[in-house]
Amino acid sequence: MLTINVAVLPAVVIVLRLRRRTEARSRNDEKLTVLIVLVFGVLVAPTAFGQGVLDGVAQLADGISPAGR
């Protein structure tokens, strides 16, 4: 049986939408893209990949932030 991760579809849609020219986008089109990206983030966040990205961003922020020193 073939199974597909639920986050794959929004990822494909995001890639296709971002490949288009930015001059041709309307305000509603941009809002829809942001909504799709947010849904993708919610779907990916609890996965091991999402946790790895979160840890990487946290380490980067700690390295850049002067408050962490």
PDB file of N, CA and C in Angstrom:
ATOM      1  N   MET A   1       0.840  -1.167   0.000  1.00  0.00           N
ATOM      2  CA  MET A   1       0.000   0.000   0.000  1.00  0.00           C
ATOM      3  C   MET A   1       0.895   1.244   0.000  1.00  0.00           C
ATOM      4  N   LEU A   2       0.532   2.219  -0.793  1.00  0.00           N
ATOM      5  CA  LEU A   2       1.272   3.471  -0.887  1.00  0.00           C
ATOM      6  C   LEU A   2       0.699   4.482   0.092  1.00  0.00           C
ATOM      7  N   THR A   3       1.555   5.046   0.935  1.00  0.00           N
ATOM      8  CA  THR A   3       1.100   6.081   1.864  1.00  0.00           C
ATOM      9  C   THR A   3       1.849   7.374   1.554  1.00  0.00           C
ATOM     10  N   ILE A   4       1.156   8.461   1.728  1.00  0.00           N
ATOM     11  CA  ILE A   4       1.736   9.778   1.477  1.00  0.00           C
ATOM     12  C   ILE A   4       1.571  10.619   2.734  1.00  0.00           C
ATOM     13  N   ASN A   5       2.625  11.264   3.140  1.00  0.00           N
ATOM     14  CA  ASN A   5       2.566  12.147   4.285  1.00  0.00           C
ATOM     15  C   ASN A   5       1.662  13.329   3.946  1.00  0.00           C
ATOM     16  N   VAL A   6       0.848  13.750   4.913  1.00  0.00           N
ATOM     17  CA  VAL A   6      -0.101  14.841   4.698  1.00  0.00           C
ATOM     18  C   VAL A   6       0.612  16.146   4.383  1.00  0.00           C
ATOM     19  N   ALA A   7       1.823  16.329   4.860  1.00  0.00           N
ATOM     20  CA  ALA A   7       2.559  17.575   4.655  1.00  0.00           C
ATOM     21  C   ALA A   7       3.152  17.681   3.256  1.00  0.00           C
ATOM     22  N   VAL A   8       3.154  16.594   2.500  1.00  0.00           N
ATOM     23  CA  VAL A   8       3.749  16.629   1.162  1.00  0.00           C
ATOM     24  C   VAL A   8       2.925  17.501   0.219  1.00  0.00           C
ATOM     25  N   LEU A   9       1.613  17.408   0.273  1.00  0.00           N
ATOM     26  CA  LEU A   9       0.767  18.189  -0.627  1.00  0.00           C
ATOM     27  C   LEU A   9       0.954  19.694  -0.431  1.00  0.00           C
ATOM     28  N   PRO A  10       0.879  20.224   0.811  1.00  0.00           N
ATOM     29  CA  PRO A  10       1.140  21.665   0.948  1.00  0.00           C
ATOM     30  C   PRO A  10       2.557  22.045   0.517  1.00  0.00           C
ATOM     31  N   ALA A  11       3.526  21.174   0.720  1.00  0.00           N
ATOM     32  CA  ALA A  11       4.900  21.475   0.305  1.00  0.00           C
ATOM     33  C   ALA A  11       4.975  21.631  -1.214  1.00  0.00           C
ATOM     34  N   VAL A  12       4.317  20.746  -1.935  1.00  0.00           N
ATOM     35  CA  VAL A  12       4.300  20.831  -3.397  1.00  0.00           C
ATOM     36  C   VAL A  12       3.589  22.101  -3.845  1.00  0.00           C
ATOM     37  N   VAL A  13       2.466  22.421  -3.213  1.00  0.00           N
ATOM     38  CA  VAL A  13       1.717  23.627  -3.572  1.00  0.00           C
ATOM     39  C   VAL A  13       2.556  24.875  -3.302  1.00  0.00           C
ATOM     40  N   ILE A  14       3.284  24.889  -2.190  1.00  0.00           N
ATOM     41  CA  ILE A  14       4.137  26.038  -1.860  1.00  0.00           C
ATOM     42  C   ILE A  14       5.209  26.228  -2.925  1.00  0.00           C
ATOM     43  N   VAL A  15       5.860  25.147  -3.304  1.00  0.00           N
ATOM     44  CA  VAL A  15       6.918  25.244  -4.317  1.00  0.00           C
ATOM     45  C   VAL A  15       6.350  25.758  -5.632  1.00  0.00           C
ATOM     46  N   LEU A  16       5.211  25.239  -6.040  1.00  0.00           N
ATOM     47  CA  LEU A  16       4.609  25.687  -7.299  1.00  0.00           C
ATOM     48  C   LEU A  16       4.192  27.153  -7.245  1.00  0.00           C
ATOM     49  N   ARG A  17       3.637  27.576  -6.120  1.00  0.00           N
ATOM     50  CA  ARG A  17       3.190  28.968  -5.989  1.00  0.00           C
ATOM     51  C   ARG A  17       4.368  29.934  -5.932  1.00  0.00           C
ATOM     52  N   LEU A  18       5.462  29.548  -5.287  1.00  0.00           N
ATOM     53  CA  LEU A  18       6.605  30.440  -5.160  1.00  0.00           C
ATOM     54  C   LEU A  18       7.435  30.531  -6.438  1.00  0.00           C
ATOM     55  N   ARG A  19       7.245  29.605  -7.350  1.00  0.00           N
ATOM     56  CA  ARG A  19       7.975  29.649  -8.618  1.00  0.00           C
ATOM     57  C   ARG A  19       7.410  30.699  -9.565  1.00  0.00           C
ATOM     58  N   ARG A  20       6.181  31.135  -9.323  1.00  0.00           N
ATOM     59  CA  ARG A  20       5.555  32.131 -10.193  1.00  0.00           C
ATOM     60  C   ARG A  20       6.192  33.495  -9.998  1.00  0.00           C
ATOM     61  N   ARG A  21       6.014  34.353 -10.975  1.00  0.00           N
ATOM     62  CA  ARG A  21       6.557  35.715 -10.889  1.00  0.00           C
ATOM     63  C   ARG A  21       5.824  36.505  -9.819  1.00  0.00           C
ATOM     64  N   THR A  22       6.566  37.292  -9.062  1.00  0.00           N
ATOM     65  CA  THR A  22       5.952  38.046  -7.969  1.00  0.00           C
ATOM     66  C   THR A  22       5.112  39.208  -8.478  1.00  0.00           C
ATOM     67  N   GLU A  23       5.418  39.742  -9.642  1.00  0.00           N
ATOM     68  CA  GLU A  23       4.652  40.874 -10.161  1.00  0.00           C
ATOM     69  C   GLU A  23       3.216  40.485 -10.492  1.00  0.00           C
ATOM     70  N   ALA A  24       2.989  39.214 -10.754  1.00  0.00           N
ATOM     71  CA  ALA A  24       1.671  38.770 -11.176  1.00  0.00           C
ATOM     72  C   ALA A  24       0.761  38.423 -10.002  1.00  0.00           C
ATOM     73  N   ARG A  25       1.227  38.567  -8.770  1.00  0.00           N
ATOM     74  CA  ARG A  25       0.436  38.161  -7.607  1.00  0.00           C
ATOM     75  C   ARG A  25      -0.431  39.297  -7.088  1.00  0.00           C
ATOM     76  N   SER A  26      -1.643  38.936  -6.707  1.00  0.00           N
ATOM     77  CA  SER A  26      -2.537  39.901  -6.072  1.00  0.00           C
ATOM     78  C   SER A  26      -2.380  39.788  -4.555  1.00  0.00           C
ATOM     79  N   ARG A  27      -2.991  40.694  -3.840  1.00  0.00           N
ATOM     80  CA  ARG A  27      -2.923  40.670  -2.378  1.00  0.00           C
ATOM     81  C   ARG A  27      -3.565  39.389  -1.847  1.00  0.00           C
ATOM     82  N   ASN A  28      -4.700  38.986  -2.414  1.00  0.00           N
ATOM     83  CA  ASN A  28      -5.367  37.751  -1.975  1.00  0.00           C
ATOM     84  C   ASN A  28      -4.513  36.528  -2.276  1.00  0.00           C
ATOM     85  N   ASP A  29      -3.808  36.543  -3.395  1.00  0.00           N
ATOM     86  CA  ASP A  29      -2.929  35.438  -3.750  1.00  0.00           C
ATOM     87  C   ASP A  29      -1.805  35.309  -2.722  1.00  0.00           C
ATOM     88  N   GLU A  30      -1.255  36.426  -2.285  1.00  0.00           N
ATOM     89  CA  GLU A  30      -0.199  36.399  -1.269  1.00  0.00           C
ATOM     90  C   GLU A  30      -0.740  35.901   0.067  1.00  0.00           C
ATOM     91  N   LYS A  31      -1.950  36.310   0.423  1.00  0.00           N
ATOM     92  CA  LYS A  31      -2.557  35.855   1.678  1.00  0.00           C
ATOM     93  C   LYS A  31      -2.785  34.347   1.649  1.00  0.00           C
ATOM     94  N   LEU A  32      -3.216  33.818   0.500  1.00  0.00           N
ATOM     95  CA  LEU A  32      -3.426  32.380   0.371  1.00  0.00           C
ATOM     96  C   LEU A  32      -2.106  31.628   0.517  1.00  0.00           C
ATOM     97  N   THR A  33      -1.038  32.167  -0.052  1.00  0.00           N
ATOM     98  CA  THR A  33       0.274  31.531   0.078  1.00  0.00           C
ATOM     99  C   THR A  33       0.718  31.502   1.535  1.00  0.00           C
ATOM    100  N   VAL A  34       0.510  32.590   2.258  1.00  0.00           N
ATOM    101  CA  VAL A  34       0.861  32.634   3.678  1.00  0.00           C
ATOM    102  C   VAL A  34       0.049  31.610   4.461  1.00  0.00           C
ATOM    103  N   LEU A  35      -1.231  31.492   4.164  1.00  0.00           N
ATOM    104  CA  LEU A  35      -2.081  30.511   4.842  1.00  0.00           C
ATOM    105  C   LEU A  35      -1.601  29.084   4.586  1.00  0.00           C
ATOM    106  N   ILE A  36      -1.239  28.789   3.349  1.00  0.00           N
ATOM    107  CA  ILE A  36      -0.746  27.447   3.014  1.00  0.00           C
ATOM    108  C   ILE A  36       0.563  27.167   3.750  1.00  0.00           C
ATOM    109  N   VAL A  37       1.438  28.163   3.839  1.00  0.00           N
ATOM    110  CA  VAL A  37       2.712  27.982   4.549  1.00  0.00           C
ATOM    111  C   VAL A  37       2.469  27.749   6.037  1.00  0.00           C
ATOM    112  N   LEU A  38       1.507  28.457   6.618  1.00  0.00           N
ATOM    113  CA  LEU A  38       1.184  28.247   8.037  1.00  0.00           C
ATOM    114  C   LEU A  38       0.644  26.839   8.283  1.00  0.00           C
ATOM    115  N   VAL A  39      -0.234  26.364   7.400  1.00  0.00           N
ATOM    116  CA  VAL A  39      -0.761  25.008   7.529  1.00  0.00           C
ATOM    117  C   VAL A  39       0.372  23.996   7.409  1.00  0.00           C
ATOM    118  N   PHE A  40       1.286  24.225   6.477  1.00  0.00           N
ATOM    119  CA  PHE A  40       2.438  23.344   6.320  1.00  0.00           C
ATOM    120  C   PHE A  40       3.273  23.314   7.598  1.00  0.00           C
ATOM    121  N   GLY A  41       3.483  24.485   8.206  1.00  0.00           N
ATOM    122  CA  GLY A  41       4.244  24.552   9.446  1.00  0.00           C
ATOM    123  C   GLY A  41       3.592  23.782  10.574  1.00  0.00           C
ATOM    124  N   VAL A  42       2.275  23.872  10.665  1.00  0.00           N
ATOM    125  CA  VAL A  42       1.546  23.141  11.711  1.00  0.00           C
ATOM    126  C   VAL A  42       1.652  21.638  11.484  1.00  0.00           C
ATOM    127  N   LEU A  43       1.628  21.210  10.224  1.00  0.00           N
ATOM    128  CA  LEU A  43       1.723  19.782   9.926  1.00  0.00           C
ATOM    129  C   LEU A  43       3.126  19.231  10.153  1.00  0.00           C
ATOM    130  N   VAL A  44       4.138  20.043   9.919  1.00  0.00           N
ATOM    131  CA  VAL A  44       5.524  19.572  10.023  1.00  0.00           C
ATOM    132  C   VAL A  44       6.065  19.697  11.447  1.00  0.00           C
ATOM    133  N   ALA A  45       5.553  20.644  12.222  1.00  0.00           N
ATOM    134  CA  ALA A  45       6.112  20.940  13.552  1.00  0.00           C
ATOM    135  C   ALA A  45       6.245  19.723  14.468  1.00  0.00           C
ATOM    136  N   PRO A  46       5.249  18.843  14.576  1.00  0.00           N
ATOM    137  CA  PRO A  46       5.412  17.730  15.523  1.00  0.00           C
ATOM    138  C   PRO A  46       6.288  16.589  15.017  1.00  0.00           C
ATOM    139  N   THR A  47       6.769  16.650  13.797  1.00  0.00           N
ATOM    140  CA  THR A  47       7.583  15.568  13.252  1.00  0.00           C
ATOM    141  C   THR A  47       9.036  15.723  13.692  1.00  0.00           C
ATOM    142  N   ALA A  48       9.819  14.686  13.474  1.00  0.00           N
ATOM    143  CA  ALA A  48      11.245  14.731  13.806  1.00  0.00           C
ATOM    144  C   ALA A  48      11.952  15.791  12.973  1.00  0.00           C
ATOM    145  N   PHE A  49      11.558  15.931  11.706  1.00  0.00           N
ATOM    146  CA  PHE A  49      12.139  16.962  10.847  1.00  0.00           C
ATOM    147  C   PHE A  49      11.843  18.353  11.396  1.00  0.00           C
ATOM    148  N   GLY A  50      10.607  18.576  11.801  1.00  0.00           N
ATOM    149  CA  GLY A  50      10.214  19.872  12.361  1.00  0.00           C
ATOM    150  C   GLY A  50      10.972  20.192  13.636  1.00  0.00           C
ATOM    151  N   GLN A  51      11.172  19.200  14.486  1.00  0.00           N
ATOM    152  CA  GLN A  51      11.926  19.408  15.721  1.00  0.00           C
ATOM    153  C   GLN A  51      13.397  19.704  15.427  1.00  0.00           C
ATOM    154  N   GLY A  52      13.935  19.049  14.403  1.00  0.00           N
ATOM    155  CA  GLY A  52      15.317  19.322  14.006  1.00  0.00           C
ATOM    156  C   GLY A  52      15.482  20.746  13.500  1.00  0.00           C
ATOM    157  N   VAL A  53      14.526  21.206  12.705  1.00  0.00           N
ATOM    158  CA  VAL A  53      14.563  22.586  12.210  1.00  0.00           C
ATOM    159  C   VAL A  53      14.458  23.556  13.381  1.00  0.00           C
ATOM    160  N   LEU A  54      13.560  23.274  14.317  1.00  0.00           N
ATOM    161  CA  LEU A  54      13.409  24.134  15.492  1.00  0.00           C
ATOM    162  C   LEU A  54      14.697  24.204  16.295  1.00  0.00           C
ATOM    163  N   ASP A  55      15.346  23.069  16.517  1.00  0.00           N
ATOM    164  CA  ASP A  55      16.613  23.055  17.255  1.00  0.00           C
ATOM    165  C   ASP A  55      17.691  23.841  16.515  1.00  0.00           C
ATOM    166  N   GLY A  56      17.755  23.689  15.193  1.00  0.00           N
ATOM    167  CA  GLY A  56      18.741  24.422  14.398  1.00  0.00           C
ATOM    168  C   GLY A  56      18.524  25.925  14.458  1.00  0.00           C
ATOM    169  N   VAL A  57      17.284  26.351  14.358  1.00  0.00           N
ATOM    170  CA  VAL A  57      16.972  27.780  14.428  1.00  0.00           C
ATOM    171  C   VAL A  57      17.266  28.318  15.825  1.00  0.00           C
ATOM    172  N   ALA A  58      16.967  27.524  16.847  1.00  0.00           N
ATOM    173  CA  ALA A  58      17.247  27.961  18.222  1.00  0.00           C
ATOM    174  C   ALA A  58      18.751  28.122  18.439  1.00  0.00           C
ATOM    175  N   GLN A  59      19.551  27.201  17.926  1.00  0.00           N
ATOM    176  CA  GLN A  59      21.005  27.320  18.062  1.00  0.00           C
ATOM    177  C   GLN A  59      21.527  28.533  17.304  1.00  0.00           C
ATOM    178  N   LEU A  60      20.980  28.772  16.118  1.00  0.00           N
ATOM    179  CA  LEU A  60      21.380  29.934  15.333  1.00  0.00           C
ATOM    180  C   LEU A  60      21.023  31.227  16.073  1.00  0.00           C
ATOM    181  N   ALA A  61      19.838  31.269  16.645  1.00  0.00           N
ATOM    182  CA  ALA A  61      19.409  32.468  17.374  1.00  0.00           C
ATOM    183  C   ALA A  61      20.276  32.687  18.618  1.00  0.00           C
ATOM    184  N   ASP A  62      20.643  31.604  19.282  1.00  0.00           N
ATOM    185  CA  ASP A  62      21.515  31.732  20.454  1.00  0.00           C
ATOM    186  C   ASP A  62      22.903  32.243  20.059  1.00  0.00           C
ATOM    187  N   GLY A  63      23.373  31.827  18.892  1.00  0.00           N
ATOM    188  CA  GLY A  63      24.687  32.272  18.432  1.00  0.00           C
ATOM    189  C   GLY A  63      24.702  33.723  17.996  1.00  0.00           C
ATOM    190  N   ILE A  64      23.574  34.220  17.499  1.00  0.00           N
ATOM    191  CA  ILE A  64      23.509  35.588  16.988  1.00  0.00           C
ATOM    192  C   ILE A  64      23.138  36.576  18.090  1.00  0.00           C
ATOM    193  N   SER A  65      22.264  36.161  18.991  1.00  0.00           N
ATOM    194  CA  SER A  65      21.727  37.062  19.994  1.00  0.00           C
ATOM    195  C   SER A  65      22.780  37.450  21.028  1.00  0.00           C
ATOM    196  N   PRO A  66      22.952  38.754  21.255  1.00  0.00           N
ATOM    197  CA  PRO A  66      23.902  39.173  22.295  1.00  0.00           C
ATOM    198  C   PRO A  66      23.358  38.895  23.709  1.00  0.00           C
ATOM    199  N   ALA A  67      22.041  38.678  23.840  1.00  0.00           N
ATOM    200  CA  ALA A  67      21.465  38.398  25.152  1.00  0.00           C
ATOM    201  C   ALA A  67      21.884  37.016  25.646  1.00  0.00           C
ATOM    202  N   GLY A  68      22.238  36.111  24.735  1.00  0.00           N
ATOM    203  CA  GLY A  68      22.635  34.767  25.125  1.00  0.00           C
ATOM    204  C   GLY A  68      24.051  34.686  25.633  1.00  0.00           C
ATOM    205  N   ARG A  69      24.778  35.788  25.621  1.00  0.00           N
ATOM    206  CA  ARG A  69      26.186  35.768  26.060  1.00  0.00           C
ATOM    207  C   ARG A  69      26.363  36.164  27.475  1.00  0.00           C
TER     208      ARG A  69
END
